Amino acid sequence: MRRLAFLFAGVIVFLIVLPAWAHTEFESSTPADRASVEDPVSEIVVVFTLPVTVVGNGFEVLDPQGRVVNPSVVTDDDTTFTLVLAEPLAGGEVGVRYEVTAEDGHVVAGGFSFTISAPPSITTTTMPPSATAVSGDITVSTAGAASTIDSAATSVPNEGGTGSMGLWLGLGAVVVGGVGLYAGMRTRS
């Protein structure tokens, strides 16, 4: 009977002390740590084993180009956090860092990463149907098609239809120079 009383007392003490031994930890994420996903990611879900409070830098996301992205953080229960990104991420490895405080005051910090195989989106500029892009000595006629133009390029109306405005200007300069030279020589004689 005495052994049963000691066993019962031991179980009671264990049940009282057990919650004090529990530590808040990172439980899971979506996308999961080291996962590879095919589609662009606009939300990341981070789950902890017990409620936490965001401290320090809170949640930071490193995009595939290595830039820090600060997401909007949403939670209903302080254990599951949804990180909402302003623009979907794609095209490589993404890292997530977190810094939170557990109810017992301990700071829980860490991170995880995953890879997105979807290519990054490309922004294009559409030119009007009859425009010609001129950059240096290169002339490209768009003929109504959408194309990406270098930021240093200049858009010039395509009045001749062949994109040869520079050729005509050069030819005109030669003619004017030739006429001036001829007139100068004629005055000397």
C-alpha atoms as a PDB file:
ATOM      1  CA  MET A   1       0.000   0.000   0.000  1.00  0.00           C
ATOM      2  CA  ARG A   2       2.879   2.329   0.827  1.00  0.00           C
ATOM      3  CA  ARG A   3       4.418   1.756  -2.603  1.00  0.00           C
ATOM      4  CA  LEU A   4       1.128   2.630  -4.248  1.00  0.00           C
ATOM      5  CA  ALA A   5       0.975   5.913  -2.267  1.00  0.00           C
ATOM      6  CA  PHE A   6       4.535   6.817  -3.327  1.00  0.00           C
ATOM      7  CA  LEU A   7       3.735   5.960  -6.932  1.00  0.00           C
ATOM      8  CA  PHE A   8       0.560   8.058  -6.817  1.00  0.00           C
ATOM      9  CA  ALA A   9       2.456  11.001  -5.227  1.00  0.00           C
ATOM     10  CA  GLY A  10       5.175  10.680  -7.898  1.00  0.00           C
ATOM     11  CA  VAL A  11       2.612  10.846 -10.697  1.00  0.00           C
ATOM     12  CA  ILE A  12       1.003  13.964  -9.159  1.00  0.00           C
ATOM     13  CA  VAL A  13       4.389  15.736  -8.845  1.00  0.00           C
ATOM     14  CA  PHE A  14       5.291  14.728 -12.410  1.00  0.00           C
ATOM     15  CA  LEU A  15       2.037  16.176 -13.767  1.00  0.00           C
ATOM     16  CA  ILE A  16       2.567  19.435 -11.863  1.00  0.00           C
ATOM     17  CA  VAL A  17       6.228  19.848 -12.895  1.00  0.00           C
ATOM     18  CA  LEU A  18       5.820  18.657 -16.522  1.00  0.00           C
ATOM     19  CA  PRO A  19       4.409  21.954 -17.880  1.00  0.00           C
ATOM     20  CA  ALA A  20       7.387  23.820 -16.404  1.00  0.00           C
ATOM     21  CA  TRP A  21       9.723  21.580 -18.420  1.00  0.00           C
ATOM     22  CA  ALA A  22       7.904  22.276 -21.698  1.00  0.00           C
ATOM     23  CA  HIS A  23       9.793  24.647 -23.971  1.00  0.00           C
ATOM     24  CA  THR A  24       8.386  26.611 -26.824  1.00  0.00           C
ATOM     25  CA  GLU A  25       9.922  25.561 -30.112  1.00  0.00           C
ATOM     26  CA  PHE A  26       9.515  26.024 -33.832  1.00  0.00           C
ATOM     27  CA  GLU A  27       7.130  23.253 -34.912  1.00  0.00           C
ATOM     28  CA  SER A  28       6.652  23.539 -38.678  1.00  0.00           C
ATOM     29  CA  SER A  29       6.289  25.796 -41.686  1.00  0.00           C
ATOM     30  CA  THR A  30       4.499  25.895 -45.025  1.00  0.00           C
ATOM     31  CA  PRO A  31       6.437  25.631 -47.286  1.00  0.00           C
ATOM     32  CA  ALA A  32       8.401  23.207 -45.124  1.00  0.00           C
ATOM     33  CA  ASP A  33      12.085  23.589 -44.262  1.00  0.00           C
ATOM     34  CA  ARG A  34      14.250  22.446 -47.226  1.00  0.00           C
ATOM     35  CA  ALA A  35      11.153  21.885 -49.404  1.00  0.00           C
ATOM     36  CA  SER A  36      11.065  22.584 -53.132  1.00  0.00           C
ATOM     37  CA  VAL A  37       7.876  24.178 -54.439  1.00  0.00           C
ATOM     38  CA  GLU A  38       6.878  24.738 -58.055  1.00  0.00           C
ATOM     39  CA  ASP A  39       4.618  27.814 -57.811  1.00  0.00           C
ATOM     40  CA  PRO A  40       5.431  31.372 -56.662  1.00  0.00           C
ATOM     41  CA  VAL A  41       4.893  31.884 -52.917  1.00  0.00           C
ATOM     42  CA  SER A  42       2.809  34.788 -51.570  1.00  0.00           C
ATOM     43  CA  GLU A  43       2.284  33.450 -48.015  1.00  0.00           C
ATOM     44  CA  ILE A  44       4.465  31.553 -45.559  1.00  0.00           C
ATOM     45  CA  VAL A  45       2.981  29.893 -42.461  1.00  0.00           C
ATOM     46  CA  VAL A  46       5.140  29.450 -39.330  1.00  0.00           C
ATOM     47  CA  VAL A  47       3.901  27.325 -36.383  1.00  0.00           C
ATOM     48  CA  PHE A  48       5.283  27.167 -32.813  1.00  0.00           C
ATOM     49  CA  THR A  49       4.516  24.528 -30.167  1.00  0.00           C
ATOM     50  CA  LEU A  50       3.208  27.108 -27.642  1.00  0.00           C
ATOM     51  CA  PRO A  51       2.048  30.757 -27.846  1.00  0.00           C
ATOM     52  CA  VAL A  52       4.783  33.338 -28.477  1.00  0.00           C
ATOM     53  CA  THR A  53       5.207  37.096 -28.758  1.00  0.00           C
ATOM     54  CA  VAL A  54       7.053  38.620 -31.702  1.00  0.00           C
ATOM     55  CA  VAL A  55      10.168  40.578 -30.592  1.00  0.00           C
ATOM     56  CA  GLY A  56      13.293  42.083 -32.154  1.00  0.00           C
ATOM     57  CA  ASN A  57      13.156  41.753 -35.923  1.00  0.00           C
ATOM     58  CA  GLY A  58      10.191  39.382 -35.648  1.00  0.00           C
ATOM     59  CA  PHE A  59       9.940  37.686 -39.030  1.00  0.00           C
ATOM     60  CA  GLU A  60      12.236  38.476 -41.951  1.00  0.00           C
ATOM     61  CA  VAL A  61      12.187  36.864 -45.371  1.00  0.00           C
ATOM     62  CA  LEU A  62      15.262  36.775 -47.636  1.00  0.00           C
ATOM     63  CA  ASP A  63      14.134  36.636 -51.256  1.00  0.00           C
ATOM     64  CA  PRO A  64      16.052  34.669 -53.937  1.00  0.00           C
ATOM     65  CA  GLN A  65      18.132  37.798 -54.701  1.00  0.00           C
ATOM     66  CA  GLY A  66      19.223  38.049 -51.040  1.00  0.00           C
ATOM     67  CA  ARG A  67      17.117  41.127 -50.242  1.00  0.00           C
ATOM     68  CA  VAL A  68      15.298  41.352 -46.895  1.00  0.00           C
ATOM     69  CA  VAL A  69      11.527  41.431 -47.272  1.00  0.00           C
ATOM     70  CA  ASN A  70       9.419  42.446 -44.258  1.00  0.00           C
ATOM     71  CA  PRO A  71       6.071  40.636 -44.541  1.00  0.00           C
ATOM     72  CA  SER A  72       2.755  41.533 -42.952  1.00  0.00           C
ATOM     73  CA  VAL A  73       2.277  39.163 -39.998  1.00  0.00           C
ATOM     74  CA  VAL A  74      -1.165  37.745 -39.129  1.00  0.00           C
ATOM     75  CA  THR A  75      -2.026  35.438 -36.186  1.00  0.00           C
ATOM     76  CA  ASP A  76      -5.197  34.402 -34.377  1.00  0.00           C
ATOM     77  CA  ASP A  77      -3.712  32.310 -31.563  1.00  0.00           C
ATOM     78  CA  ASP A  78      -0.038  33.397 -31.183  1.00  0.00           C
ATOM     79  CA  THR A  79       1.145  29.914 -32.241  1.00  0.00           C
ATOM     80  CA  THR A  80       0.413  30.005 -35.990  1.00  0.00           C
ATOM     81  CA  PHE A  81       1.696  33.024 -37.927  1.00  0.00           C
ATOM     82  CA  THR A  82       0.947  33.792 -41.575  1.00  0.00           C
ATOM     83  CA  LEU A  83       3.573  35.932 -43.298  1.00  0.00           C
ATOM     84  CA  VAL A  84       1.846  37.780 -46.152  1.00  0.00           C
ATOM     85  CA  LEU A  85       4.219  39.014 -48.883  1.00  0.00           C
ATOM     86  CA  ALA A  86       3.485  42.154 -50.935  1.00  0.00           C
ATOM     87  CA  GLU A  87       4.702  40.396 -54.116  1.00  0.00           C
ATOM     88  CA  PRO A  88       4.978  36.626 -54.699  1.00  0.00           C
ATOM     89  CA  LEU A  89       8.490  35.194 -54.526  1.00  0.00           C
ATOM     90  CA  ALA A  90       9.926  32.945 -57.249  1.00  0.00           C
ATOM     91  CA  GLY A  91      13.170  31.885 -58.845  1.00  0.00           C
ATOM     92  CA  GLY A  92      15.400  30.363 -56.170  1.00  0.00           C
ATOM     93  CA  GLU A  93      16.091  29.850 -52.487  1.00  0.00           C
ATOM     94  CA  VAL A  94      14.082  31.760 -49.869  1.00  0.00           C
ATOM     95  CA  GLY A  95      15.178  32.091 -46.242  1.00  0.00           C
ATOM     96  CA  VAL A  96      12.986  32.920 -43.246  1.00  0.00           C
ATOM     97  CA  ARG A  97      14.307  34.164 -39.888  1.00  0.00           C
ATOM     98  CA  TYR A  98      12.215  34.459 -36.741  1.00  0.00           C
ATOM     99  CA  GLU A  99      12.708  35.943 -33.288  1.00  0.00           C
ATOM    100  CA  VAL A 100       9.957  35.456 -30.694  1.00  0.00           C
ATOM    101  CA  THR A 101       9.617  35.262 -26.921  1.00  0.00           C
ATOM    102  CA  ALA A 102       7.981  32.283 -25.208  1.00  0.00           C
ATOM    103  CA  GLU A 103       5.522  32.701 -22.335  1.00  0.00           C
ATOM    104  CA  ASP A 104       8.333  31.767 -19.916  1.00  0.00           C
ATOM    105  CA  GLY A 105      10.435  34.698 -21.205  1.00  0.00           C
ATOM    106  CA  HIS A 106      12.947  32.684 -23.241  1.00  0.00           C
ATOM    107  CA  VAL A 107      13.820  34.058 -26.674  1.00  0.00           C
ATOM    108  CA  VAL A 108      13.297  31.570 -29.476  1.00  0.00           C
ATOM    109  CA  ALA A 109      15.236  32.494 -32.618  1.00  0.00           C
ATOM    110  CA  GLY A 110      16.025  30.513 -35.720  1.00  0.00           C
ATOM    111  CA  GLY A 111      15.222  30.080 -39.348  1.00  0.00           C
ATOM    112  CA  PHE A 112      14.495  27.787 -42.244  1.00  0.00           C
ATOM    113  CA  SER A 113      14.686  27.854 -46.028  1.00  0.00           C
ATOM    114  CA  PHE A 114      12.981  26.430 -49.088  1.00  0.00           C
ATOM    115  CA  THR A 115      13.427  26.617 -52.861  1.00  0.00           C
ATOM    116  CA  ILE A 116      10.949  27.896 -55.449  1.00  0.00           C
ATOM    117  CA  SER A 117      11.452  26.432 -58.933  1.00  0.00           C
ATOM    118  CA  ALA A 118       9.020  28.833 -60.663  1.00  0.00           C
ATOM    119  CA  PRO A 119      10.967  31.439 -62.660  1.00  0.00           C
ATOM    120  CA  PRO A 120      10.826  35.046 -61.465  1.00  0.00           C
ATOM    121  CA  SER A 121       8.339  37.277 -63.282  1.00  0.00           C
ATOM    122  CA  ILE A 122       9.716  39.573 -65.980  1.00  0.00           C
ATOM    123  CA  THR A 123       8.320  43.063 -66.480  1.00  0.00           C
ATOM    124  CA  THR A 124       7.928  44.143 -70.099  1.00  0.00           C
ATOM    125  CA  THR A 125       7.284  47.513 -71.692  1.00  0.00           C
ATOM    126  CA  THR A 126       4.885  47.733 -74.613  1.00  0.00           C
ATOM    127  CA  MET A 127       5.628  50.286 -77.316  1.00  0.00           C
ATOM    128  CA  PRO A 128       3.001  51.814 -79.639  1.00  0.00           C
ATOM    129  CA  PRO A 129       2.478  49.973 -82.977  1.00  0.00           C
ATOM    130  CA  SER A 130       4.565  52.350 -85.128  1.00  0.00           C
ATOM    131  CA  ALA A 131       7.559  53.103 -82.957  1.00  0.00           C
ATOM    132  CA  THR A 132      11.236  52.485 -83.340  1.00  0.00           C
ATOM    133  CA  ALA A 133      13.668  52.064 -80.474  1.00  0.00           C
ATOM    134  CA  VAL A 134      17.069  53.623 -81.028  1.00  0.00           C
ATOM    135  CA  SER A 135      19.995  52.798 -78.739  1.00  0.00           C
ATOM    136  CA  GLY A 136      23.478  53.785 -79.847  1.00  0.00           C
ATOM    137  CA  ASP A 137      24.014  52.543 -83.416  1.00  0.00           C
ATOM    138  CA  ILE A 138      21.320  49.855 -83.188  1.00  0.00           C
ATOM    139  CA  THR A 139      17.775  50.469 -84.437  1.00  0.00           C
ATOM    140  CA  VAL A 140      14.981  47.994 -83.692  1.00  0.00           C
ATOM    141  CA  SER A 141      11.496  48.368 -85.170  1.00  0.00           C
ATOM    142  CA  THR A 142       8.753  46.908 -82.976  1.00  0.00           C
ATOM    143  CA  ALA A 143       6.066  46.715 -85.690  1.00  0.00           C
ATOM    144  CA  GLY A 144       3.329  46.528 -83.049  1.00  0.00           C
ATOM    145  CA  ALA A 145       4.879  43.732 -80.975  1.00  0.00           C
ATOM    146  CA  ALA A 146       5.555  44.005 -77.241  1.00  0.00           C
ATOM    147  CA  SER A 147       9.242  44.094 -76.418  1.00  0.00           C
ATOM    148  CA  THR A 148      11.556  44.905 -73.541  1.00  0.00           C
ATOM    149  CA  ILE A 149      13.731  47.920 -74.228  1.00  0.00           C
ATOM    150  CA  ASP A 150      16.912  48.825 -72.405  1.00  0.00           C
ATOM    151  CA  SER A 151      16.360  51.776 -70.039  1.00  0.00           C
ATOM    152  CA  ALA A 152      18.873  53.846 -72.030  1.00  0.00           C
ATOM    153  CA  ALA A 153      16.880  53.420 -75.264  1.00  0.00           C
ATOM    154  CA  THR A 154      14.929  56.313 -76.747  1.00  0.00           C
ATOM    155  CA  SER A 155      11.592  55.967 -78.529  1.00  0.00           C
ATOM    156  CA  VAL A 156      11.364  57.807 -81.862  1.00  0.00           C
ATOM    157  CA  PRO A 157       8.325  57.894 -84.220  1.00  0.00           C
ATOM    158  CA  ASN A 158       8.823  55.681 -87.271  1.00  0.00           C
ATOM    159  CA  GLU A 159       7.808  58.043 -90.058  1.00  0.00           C
ATOM    160  CA  GLY A 160       9.905  56.517 -92.852  1.00  0.00           C
ATOM    161  CA  GLY A 161       8.670  53.019 -92.182  1.00  0.00           C
ATOM    162  CA  THR A 162      12.205  51.562 -92.244  1.00  0.00           C
ATOM    163  CA  GLY A 163      13.684  53.035 -89.070  1.00  0.00           C
ATOM    164  CA  SER A 164      16.442  54.784 -91.077  1.00  0.00           C
ATOM    165  CA  MET A 165      16.075  58.320 -89.682  1.00  0.00           C
ATOM    166  CA  GLY A 166      19.737  58.400 -88.597  1.00  0.00           C
ATOM    167  CA  LEU A 167      20.855  57.466 -92.113  1.00  0.00           C
ATOM    168  CA  TRP A 168      18.839  60.318 -93.626  1.00  0.00           C
ATOM    169  CA  LEU A 169      20.162  62.811 -91.074  1.00  0.00           C
ATOM    170  CA  GLY A 170      23.748  61.732 -91.779  1.00  0.00           C
ATOM    171  CA  LEU A 171      23.227  61.935 -95.532  1.00  0.00           C
ATOM    172  CA  GLY A 172      21.703  65.424 -95.141  1.00  0.00           C
ATOM    173  CA  ALA A 173      24.727  66.570 -93.118  1.00  0.00           C
ATOM    174  CA  VAL A 174      27.089  65.328 -95.849  1.00  0.00           C
ATOM    175  CA  VAL A 175      25.122  67.153 -98.545  1.00  0.00           C
ATOM    176  CA  VAL A 176      25.026  70.432 -96.554  1.00  0.00           C
ATOM    177  CA  GLY A 177      28.756  70.129 -95.803  1.00  0.00           C
ATOM    178  CA  GLY A 178      29.523  69.432 -99.478  1.00  0.00           C
ATOM    179  CA  VAL A 179      27.493  72.454-100.624  1.00  0.00           C
ATOM    180  CA  GLY A 180      29.281  74.669 -98.072  1.00  0.00           C
ATOM    181  CA  LEU A 181      32.694  73.384 -99.176  1.00  0.00           C
ATOM    182  CA  TYR A 182      31.843  73.942-102.853  1.00  0.00           C
ATOM    183  CA  ALA A 183      30.604  77.479-102.139  1.00  0.00           C
ATOM    184  CA  GLY A 184      33.773  78.259-100.171  1.00  0.00           C
ATOM    185  CA  MET A 185      36.021  77.040-102.953  1.00  0.00           C
ATOM    186  CA  ARG A 186      34.063  78.959-105.581  1.00  0.00           C
ATOM    187  CA  THR A 187      34.433  82.218-103.628  1.00  0.00           C
ATOM    188  CA  ARG A 188      38.240  81.897-103.610  1.00  0.00           C
ATOM    189  CA  SER A 189      38.464  81.532-107.332  1.00  0.00           C
END
